[in-house]
PDB file of N, CA and C in Angstrom:
ATOM      1  N   UNK A   1      -4.030  74.613 192.751  1.00  0.00           N
ATOM      2  CA  UNK A   1      -4.053  73.205 192.214  1.00  0.00           C
ATOM      3  C   UNK A   1      -2.727  72.881 191.537  1.00  0.00           C
ATOM      4  N   UNK A   2      -2.282  71.735 191.753  1.00  0.00           N
ATOM      5  CA  UNK A   2      -1.000  71.251 191.299  1.00  0.00           C
ATOM      6  C   UNK A   2      -1.111  70.753 189.814  1.00  0.00           C
ATOM      7  N   UNK A   3      -0.010  71.156 188.986  1.00  0.00           N
ATOM      8  CA  UNK A   3       0.086  70.643 187.576  1.00  0.00           C
ATOM      9  C   UNK A   3       0.513  69.308 187.603  1.00  0.00           C
ATOM     10  N   UNK A   4      -0.289  68.397 186.905  1.00  0.00           N
ATOM     11  CA  UNK A   4       0.013  66.942 186.741  1.00  0.00           C
ATOM     12  C   UNK A   4       0.572  66.602 185.396  1.00  0.00           C
ATOM     13  N   UNK A   5       0.557  67.484 184.595  1.00  0.00           N
ATOM     14  CA  UNK A   5       0.998  67.235 183.052  1.00  0.00           C
ATOM     15  C   UNK A   5       2.374  66.997 182.943  1.00  0.00           C
ATOM     16  N   UNK A   6       2.830  66.510 181.732  1.00  0.00           N
ATOM     17  CA  UNK A   6       4.130  66.268 181.521  1.00  0.00           C
ATOM     18  C   UNK A   6       4.894  67.598 181.221  1.00  0.00           C
ATOM     19  N   UNK A   7       6.197  67.719 181.670  1.00  0.00           N
ATOM     20  CA  UNK A   7       6.876  68.900 181.429  1.00  0.00           C
ATOM     21  C   UNK A   7       7.444  68.898 180.062  1.00  0.00           C
ATOM     22  N   UNK A   8       7.965  70.147 179.678  1.00  0.00           N
ATOM     23  CA  UNK A   8       8.431  70.335 178.319  1.00  0.00           C
ATOM     24  C   UNK A   8       9.440  69.272 177.933  1.00  0.00           C
ATOM     25  N   UNK A   9      10.353  68.935 178.710  1.00  0.00           N
ATOM     26  CA  UNK A   9      11.351  67.905 178.518  1.00  0.00           C
ATOM     27  C   UNK A   9      10.838  66.566 178.156  1.00  0.00           C
ATOM     28  N   UNK A  10       9.842  66.238 179.009  1.00  0.00           N
ATOM     29  CA  UNK A  10       9.101  64.876 178.804  1.00  0.00           C
ATOM     30  C   UNK A  10       8.324  64.918 177.402  1.00  0.00           C
ATOM     31  N   UNK A  11       7.728  65.954 177.120  1.00  0.00           N
ATOM     32  CA  UNK A  11       6.936  66.031 175.881  1.00  0.00           C
ATOM     33  C   UNK A  11       7.929  65.874 174.630  1.00  0.00           C
ATOM     34  N   UNK A  12       9.086  66.605 174.728  1.00  0.00           N
ATOM     35  CA  UNK A  12      10.009  66.541 173.686  1.00  0.00           C
ATOM     36  C   UNK A  12      10.505  65.102 173.554  1.00  0.00           C
ATOM     37  N   UNK A  13      10.834  64.484 174.712  1.00  0.00           N
ATOM     38  CA  UNK A  13      11.324  63.043 174.599  1.00  0.00           C
ATOM     39  C   UNK A  13      10.296  62.107 173.974  1.00  0.00           C
ATOM     40  N   UNK A  14       8.973  62.323 174.306  1.00  0.00           N
ATOM     41  CA  UNK A  14       7.951  61.560 173.774  1.00  0.00           C
ATOM     42  C   UNK A  14       7.704  61.782 172.317  1.00  0.00           C
ATOM     43  N   UNK A  15       7.852  62.999 171.907  1.00  0.00           N
ATOM     44  CA  UNK A  15       7.654  63.326 170.444  1.00  0.00           C
ATOM     45  C   UNK A  15       8.861  62.693 169.758  1.00  0.00           C
ATOM     46  N   UNK A  16      10.081  62.729 170.200  1.00  0.00           N
ATOM     47  CA  UNK A  16      11.217  62.193 169.574  1.00  0.00           C
ATOM     48  C   UNK A  16      11.144  60.760 169.403  1.00  0.00           C
ATOM     49  N   UNK A  17      10.753  60.071 170.543  1.00  0.00           N
ATOM     50  CA  UNK A  17      10.736  58.615 170.515  1.00  0.00           C
ATOM     51  C   UNK A  17       9.583  58.034 169.607  1.00  0.00           C
ATOM     52  N   UNK A  18       8.534  58.815 169.543  1.00  0.00           N
ATOM     53  CA  UNK A  18       7.409  58.533 168.674  1.00  0.00           C
ATOM     54  C   UNK A  18       7.781  58.659 167.256  1.00  0.00           C
ATOM     55  N   UNK A  19       8.561  59.701 166.900  1.00  0.00           N
ATOM     56  CA  UNK A  19       8.981  59.864 165.535  1.00  0.00           C
ATOM     57  C   UNK A  19       9.950  58.829 165.095  1.00  0.00           C
ATOM     58  N   UNK A  20      10.878  58.452 166.018  1.00  0.00           N
ATOM     59  CA  UNK A  20      11.899  57.406 165.712  1.00  0.00           C
ATOM     60  C   UNK A  20      11.029  56.060 165.534  1.00  0.00           C
ATOM     61  N   UNK A  21      10.216  55.773 166.381  1.00  0.00           N
ATOM     62  CA  UNK A  21       9.408  54.507 166.264  1.00  0.00           C
ATOM     63  C   UNK A  21       8.645  54.467 164.942  1.00  0.00           C
ATOM     64  N   UNK A  22       7.991  55.573 164.604  1.00  0.00           N
ATOM     65  CA  UNK A  22       7.263  55.599 163.425  1.00  0.00           C
ATOM     66  C   UNK A  22       8.106  55.432 162.225  1.00  0.00           C
ATOM     67  N   UNK A  23       9.249  56.073 162.227  1.00  0.00           N
ATOM     68  CA  UNK A  23      10.283  55.905 161.037  1.00  0.00           C
ATOM     69  C   UNK A  23      10.773  54.472 160.941  1.00  0.00           C
ATOM     70  N   UNK A  24      11.109  53.982 161.975  1.00  0.00           N
ATOM     71  CA  UNK A  24      11.589  52.481 162.026  1.00  0.00           C
ATOM     72  C   UNK A  24      10.470  51.507 161.501  1.00  0.00           C
ATOM     73  N   UNK A  25       9.265  51.782 161.988  1.00  0.00           N
ATOM     74  CA  UNK A  25       8.135  50.860 161.429  1.00  0.00           C
ATOM     75  C   UNK A  25       7.867  51.064 159.976  1.00  0.00           C
ATOM     76  N   UNK A  26       7.931  52.325 159.608  1.00  0.00           N
ATOM     77  CA  UNK A  26       7.820  52.617 158.110  1.00  0.00           C
ATOM     78  C   UNK A  26       8.948  51.951 157.294  1.00  0.00           C
ATOM     79  N   UNK A  27      10.127  51.951 157.714  1.00  0.00           N
ATOM     80  CA  UNK A  27      11.277  51.390 157.059  1.00  0.00           C
ATOM     81  C   UNK A  27      11.093  49.882 156.938  1.00  0.00           C
ATOM     82  N   UNK A  28      10.550  49.384 158.033  1.00  0.00           N
ATOM     83  CA  UNK A  28      10.417  47.755 158.001  1.00  0.00           C
ATOM     84  C   UNK A  28       9.342  47.495 156.992  1.00  0.00           C
ATOM     85  N   UNK A  29       8.303  48.249 157.040  1.00  0.00           N
ATOM     86  CA  UNK A  29       7.073  47.883 156.059  1.00  0.00           C
ATOM     87  C   UNK A  29       7.634  48.041 154.619  1.00  0.00           C
ATOM     88  N   UNK A  30       8.471  49.047 154.318  1.00  0.00           N
ATOM     89  CA  UNK A  30       8.858  49.309 153.058  1.00  0.00           C
ATOM     90  C   UNK A  30       9.823  48.255 152.579  1.00  0.00           C
ATOM     91  N   UNK A  31      10.652  47.764 153.418  1.00  0.00           N
ATOM     92  CA  UNK A  31      11.663  46.801 153.074  1.00  0.00           C
ATOM     93  C   UNK A  31      10.921  45.498 152.886  1.00  0.00           C
ATOM     94  N   UNK A  32       9.929  45.233 153.682  1.00  0.00           N
ATOM     95  CA  UNK A  32       9.119  43.922 153.628  1.00  0.00           C
ATOM     96  C   UNK A  32       8.326  43.985 152.347  1.00  0.00           C
ATOM     97  N   UNK A  33       7.804  45.135 151.922  1.00  0.00           N
ATOM     98  CA  UNK A  33       7.080  45.136 150.587  1.00  0.00           C
ATOM     99  C   UNK A  33       7.896  44.929 149.483  1.00  0.00           C
ATOM    100  N   UNK A  34       9.178  45.303 149.554  1.00  0.00           N
ATOM    101  CA  UNK A  34      10.054  45.119 148.436  1.00  0.00           C
ATOM    102  C   UNK A  34      10.479  43.617 148.322  1.00  0.00           C
ATOM    103  N   UNK A  35      10.916  42.986 149.463  1.00  0.00           N
ATOM    104  CA  UNK A  35      11.227  41.668 149.495  1.00  0.00           C
ATOM    105  C   UNK A  35      10.086  40.658 149.629  1.00  0.00           C
ATOM    106  N   UNK A  36       8.875  41.233 149.835  1.00  0.00           N
ATOM    107  CA  UNK A  36       7.689  40.268 150.004  1.00  0.00           C
ATOM    108  C   UNK A  36       7.315  39.539 148.735  1.00  0.00           C
ATOM    109  N   UNK A  37       7.626  40.137 147.603  1.00  0.00           N
ATOM    110  CA  UNK A  37       7.276  39.370 146.272  1.00  0.00           C
ATOM    111  C   UNK A  37       8.181  38.156 146.136  1.00  0.00           C
ATOM    112  N   UNK A  38       9.533  38.465 146.411  1.00  0.00           N
ATOM    113  CA  UNK A  38      10.413  37.320 146.379  1.00  0.00           C
ATOM    114  C   UNK A  38      10.144  36.244 147.385  1.00  0.00           C
ATOM    115  N   UNK A  39       9.765  36.597 148.603  1.00  0.00           N
ATOM    116  CA  UNK A  39       9.496  35.670 149.626  1.00  0.00           C
ATOM    117  C   UNK A  39       8.188  34.871 149.174  1.00  0.00           C
ATOM    118  N   UNK A  40       7.209  35.518 148.651  1.00  0.00           N
ATOM    119  CA  UNK A  40       6.014  34.783 148.160  1.00  0.00           C
ATOM    120  C   UNK A  40       6.265  33.787 147.043  1.00  0.00           C
ATOM    121  N   UNK A  41       7.094  34.178 146.095  1.00  0.00           N
ATOM    122  CA  UNK A  41       7.463  33.213 145.048  1.00  0.00           C
ATOM    123  C   UNK A  41       8.316  32.138 145.527  1.00  0.00           C
ATOM    124  N   UNK A  42       9.282  32.410 146.355  1.00  0.00           N
ATOM    125  CA  UNK A  42      10.217  31.351 146.799  1.00  0.00           C
ATOM    126  C   UNK A  42       9.446  30.314 147.720  1.00  0.00           C
ATOM    127  N   UNK A  43       8.528  30.743 148.511  1.00  0.00           N
ATOM    128  CA  UNK A  43       7.775  29.828 149.373  1.00  0.00           C
ATOM    129  C   UNK A  43       6.528  29.233 148.701  1.00  0.00           C
ATOM    130  N   UNK A  44       6.231  29.850 147.554  1.00  0.00           N
ATOM    131  CA  UNK A  44       5.003  29.347 146.925  1.00  0.00           C
ATOM    132  C   UNK A  44       3.727  29.598 147.556  1.00  0.00           C
ATOM    133  N   UNK A  45       3.698  30.881 148.070  1.00  0.00           N
ATOM    134  CA  UNK A  45       2.470  31.152 148.901  1.00  0.00           C
ATOM    135  C   UNK A  45       1.294  31.639 147.997  1.00  0.00           C
ATOM    136  N   UNK A  46       0.140  31.423 148.437  1.00  0.00           N
ATOM    137  CA  UNK A  46      -1.078  31.967 147.721  1.00  0.00           C
ATOM    138  C   UNK A  46      -1.219  33.418 148.206  1.00  0.00           C
ATOM    139  N   UNK A  47      -2.112  34.095 147.602  1.00  0.00           N
ATOM    140  CA  UNK A  47      -2.477  35.547 148.104  1.00  0.00           C
ATOM    141  C   UNK A  47      -2.959  35.582 149.528  1.00  0.00           C
ATOM    142  N   UNK A  48      -3.830  34.573 149.929  1.00  0.00           N
ATOM    143  CA  UNK A  48      -4.223  34.537 151.255  1.00  0.00           C
ATOM    144  C   UNK A  48      -3.089  34.164 152.206  1.00  0.00           C
ATOM    145  N   UNK A  49      -2.316  33.220 151.886  1.00  0.00           N
ATOM    146  CA  UNK A  49      -1.183  32.878 152.743  1.00  0.00           C
ATOM    147  C   UNK A  49      -0.246  34.006 152.968  1.00  0.00           C
ATOM    148  N   UNK A  50       0.056  34.791 151.892  1.00  0.00           N
ATOM    149  CA  UNK A  50       0.936  35.873 151.891  1.00  0.00           C
ATOM    150  C   UNK A  50       0.324  36.933 152.760  1.00  0.00           C
ATOM    151  N   UNK A  51      -0.980  37.202 152.520  1.00  0.00           N
ATOM    152  CA  UNK A  51      -1.666  38.265 153.432  1.00  0.00           C
ATOM    153  C   UNK A  51      -1.645  37.790 154.781  1.00  0.00           C
ATOM    154  N   UNK A  52      -1.725  36.628 155.267  1.00  0.00           N
ATOM    155  CA  UNK A  52      -1.655  36.161 156.565  1.00  0.00           C
ATOM    156  C   UNK A  52      -0.228  36.405 157.147  1.00  0.00           C
ATOM    157  N   UNK A  53       0.653  36.107 156.331  1.00  0.00           N
ATOM    158  CA  UNK A  53       2.149  36.268 156.708  1.00  0.00           C
ATOM    159  C   UNK A  53       2.394  37.805 156.989  1.00  0.00           C
ATOM    160  N   UNK A  54       1.868  38.630 156.161  1.00  0.00           N
ATOM    161  CA  UNK A  54       2.039  40.076 156.323  1.00  0.00           C
ATOM    162  C   UNK A  54       1.343  40.548 157.541  1.00  0.00           C
ATOM    163  N   UNK A  55       0.075  39.993 157.796  1.00  0.00           N
ATOM    164  CA  UNK A  55      -0.614  40.485 158.897  1.00  0.00           C
ATOM    165  C   UNK A  55       0.053  40.064 160.318  1.00  0.00           C
ATOM    166  N   UNK A  56       0.572  38.940 160.296  1.00  0.00           N
ATOM    167  CA  UNK A  56       1.327  38.505 161.503  1.00  0.00           C
ATOM    168  C   UNK A  56       2.589  39.148 161.824  1.00  0.00           C
ATOM    169  N   UNK A  57       3.030  39.955 160.888  1.00  0.00           N
ATOM    170  CA  UNK A  57       4.350  40.744 161.068  1.00  0.00           C
ATOM    171  C   UNK A  57       4.205  41.978 161.912  1.00  0.00           C
ATOM    172  N   UNK A  58       2.948  42.436 162.073  1.00  0.00           N
ATOM    173  CA  UNK A  58       2.719  43.671 162.731  1.00  0.00           C
ATOM    174  C   UNK A  58       2.975  43.516 164.271  1.00  0.00           C
TER     175      UNK A  58
END
């Protein structure tokens, strides 16, 4: 029977890319949470409007 799984190199590449993507997403969410309060105040958004804005950034 032939092995159809990913090789070690492909697994390492997938793990590396997943880690980088997770780190980038986490950094964006952290930055957005820091500047989110200022954005909310400057635009005069309600809690619901701000929540909708945050939800659409995903």
